[in-house]
């Protein structure tokens, strides 16, 4: 369980670190001069956005302090970003105490369900309102 939590912390911390180092230009995410994410494969194939369209750009925007842009890219970006931060905290607590903080765990579960609802709802609204 300890190794699992260390891997969780490393993976989630890397997401935050890379999104902090990246920047957006012409709706593409760049890390230095190389494109990380271009266009959504689902959107390229079907012509419709997938539920997670814009999440990478949303994370990069949040990490660079541009909250309005983040929300415009994907409504679920900010709640998901907060979930990542809280999971890093909860996994770190586990490493030191050998047990999870029950309040954070309960919060993460409820928050995760809420984020799923936000992602699906915003995706459906996006399709219906187009």
Protein backbone atom coordinates (compact mmCIF):
# COMPACT_ATOMS: atom_id res chain seq x y z
CA UNK A 1 0.00 0.00 0.00
CA UNK A 2 2.91 2.35 0.71
CA UNK A 3 4.40 1.87 -2.77
CA UNK A 4 0.98 2.43 -4.33
CA UNK A 5 0.63 5.76 -2.48
CA UNK A 6 4.13 6.84 -3.45
CA UNK A 7 3.30 6.11 -7.10
CA UNK A 8 0.02 8.04 -6.79
CA UNK A 9 1.84 11.05 -5.31
CA UNK A 10 4.53 10.97 -8.02
CA UNK A 11 2.03 10.60 -10.88
CA UNK A 12 -0.29 13.35 -9.64
CA UNK A 13 2.60 15.66 -8.76
CA UNK A 14 3.98 15.20 -12.27
CA UNK A 15 0.62 16.24 -13.71
CA UNK A 16 0.72 19.45 -11.68
CA UNK A 17 4.42 20.12 -12.43
CA UNK A 18 4.07 19.57 -16.18
CA UNK A 19 0.92 21.69 -16.35
CA UNK A 20 2.80 24.46 -14.55
CA UNK A 21 5.69 24.29 -17.02
CA UNK A 22 3.46 24.15 -20.10
CA UNK A 23 1.81 27.00 -21.98
CA UNK A 24 -1.02 27.35 -24.47
CA UNK A 25 -0.70 28.90 -27.91
CA UNK A 26 -3.36 28.64 -30.62
CA UNK A 27 -5.33 26.17 -28.45
CA UNK A 28 -2.39 23.75 -28.40
CA UNK A 29 -0.44 22.84 -25.29
CA UNK A 30 3.33 23.29 -25.51
CA UNK A 31 6.14 22.19 -23.25
CA UNK A 32 9.11 24.22 -24.48
CA UNK A 33 8.81 24.22 -28.30
CA UNK A 34 7.24 20.78 -28.64
CA UNK A 35 3.49 20.26 -28.82
CA UNK A 36 2.22 18.00 -26.05
CA UNK A 37 -1.41 17.90 -27.08
CA UNK A 38 -2.70 19.02 -30.43
CA UNK A 39 -6.26 18.16 -31.23
CA UNK A 40 -8.59 15.64 -29.65
CA UNK A 41 -8.53 12.34 -31.54
CA UNK A 42 -12.22 11.73 -30.85
CA UNK A 43 -13.08 15.17 -32.21
CA UNK A 44 -10.90 14.60 -35.28
CA UNK A 45 -12.63 11.28 -36.05
CA UNK A 46 -16.25 12.06 -35.10
CA UNK A 47 -16.42 15.83 -35.32
CA UNK A 48 -17.81 15.92 -31.77
CA UNK A 49 -15.96 16.79 -28.63
CA UNK A 50 -15.37 14.03 -26.08
CA UNK A 51 -16.23 14.53 -22.38
CA UNK A 52 -12.62 15.29 -21.51
CA UNK A 53 -11.97 17.76 -24.34
CA UNK A 54 -10.16 20.76 -22.92
CA UNK A 55 -9.05 19.21 -19.62
CA UNK A 56 -5.33 19.44 -20.43
CA UNK A 57 -5.69 23.06 -21.49
CA UNK A 58 -7.82 23.68 -18.39
CA UNK A 59 -5.09 22.25 -16.10
CA UNK A 60 -2.41 24.32 -17.82
CA UNK A 61 -4.56 27.45 -17.49
CA UNK A 62 -5.19 26.80 -13.78
CA UNK A 63 -1.50 26.20 -13.15
CA UNK A 64 -0.74 29.49 -14.87
CA UNK A 65 -3.40 31.38 -12.89
CA UNK A 66 -5.93 31.81 -15.70
CA UNK A 67 -9.08 30.47 -14.04
CA UNK A 68 -11.61 31.97 -16.47
CA UNK A 69 -9.82 30.39 -19.44
CA UNK A 70 -9.68 27.10 -17.54
CA UNK A 71 -13.43 27.10 -17.01
CA UNK A 72 -14.01 27.97 -20.67
CA UNK A 73 -11.91 24.99 -21.79
CA UNK A 74 -13.78 22.49 -19.59
CA UNK A 75 -16.09 23.10 -16.63
CA UNK A 76 -14.74 20.06 -14.82
CA UNK A 77 -11.13 21.27 -14.96
CA UNK A 78 -11.07 23.23 -11.71
CA UNK A 79 -12.89 20.62 -9.58
CA UNK A 80 -10.68 17.88 -11.04
CA UNK A 81 -7.54 19.94 -10.36
CA UNK A 82 -8.67 20.37 -6.74
CA UNK A 83 -9.31 16.63 -6.54
CA UNK A 84 -5.75 15.94 -7.73
CA UNK A 85 -4.36 18.28 -5.05
CA UNK A 86 -6.51 16.74 -2.31
CA UNK A 87 -5.50 13.22 -3.38
CA UNK A 88 -1.83 14.20 -3.15
CA UNK A 89 -2.51 15.47 0.37
CA UNK A 90 -4.47 12.36 1.38
CA UNK A 91 -1.84 9.97 0.01
CA UNK A 92 0.88 11.95 1.79
CA UNK A 93 -1.07 11.71 5.05
CA UNK A 94 -1.27 7.94 4.54
CA UNK A 95 2.51 7.69 4.18
CA UNK A 96 3.08 9.40 7.53
CA UNK A 97 0.14 8.02 9.54
CA UNK A 98 -0.35 4.66 7.78
CA UNK A 99 -4.03 5.44 7.39
CA UNK A 100 -6.08 7.76 5.23
CA UNK A 101 -7.80 10.84 6.55
CA UNK A 102 -11.45 9.74 6.55
CA UNK A 103 -12.76 13.26 5.91
CA UNK A 104 -10.55 13.75 2.87
CA UNK A 105 -11.39 10.25 1.59
CA UNK A 106 -15.12 10.90 1.92
CA UNK A 107 -14.68 14.32 0.30
CA UNK A 108 -12.70 12.76 -2.59
CA UNK A 109 -15.41 10.16 -3.21
CA UNK A 110 -18.23 12.70 -3.25
CA UNK A 111 -16.13 15.12 -5.27
CA UNK A 112 -15.27 12.41 -7.82
CA UNK A 113 -18.93 11.62 -8.38
CA UNK A 114 -19.66 15.32 -8.75
CA UNK A 115 -16.89 15.71 -11.31
CA UNK A 116 -18.25 12.77 -13.33
CA UNK A 117 -21.65 14.47 -13.31
CA UNK A 118 -20.11 17.81 -14.38
CA UNK A 119 -18.10 16.20 -17.20
CA UNK A 120 -21.07 14.29 -18.59
CA UNK A 121 -23.51 17.19 -18.17
CA UNK A 122 -21.20 19.76 -19.79
CA UNK A 123 -20.49 17.34 -22.64
CA UNK A 124 -24.20 16.72 -23.26
CA UNK A 125 -24.99 20.43 -23.08
CA UNK A 126 -22.18 21.13 -25.50
CA UNK A 127 -23.64 18.62 -27.97
CA UNK A 128 -27.26 19.78 -27.52
CA UNK A 129 -26.48 23.51 -27.76
CA UNK A 130 -24.35 23.19 -30.88
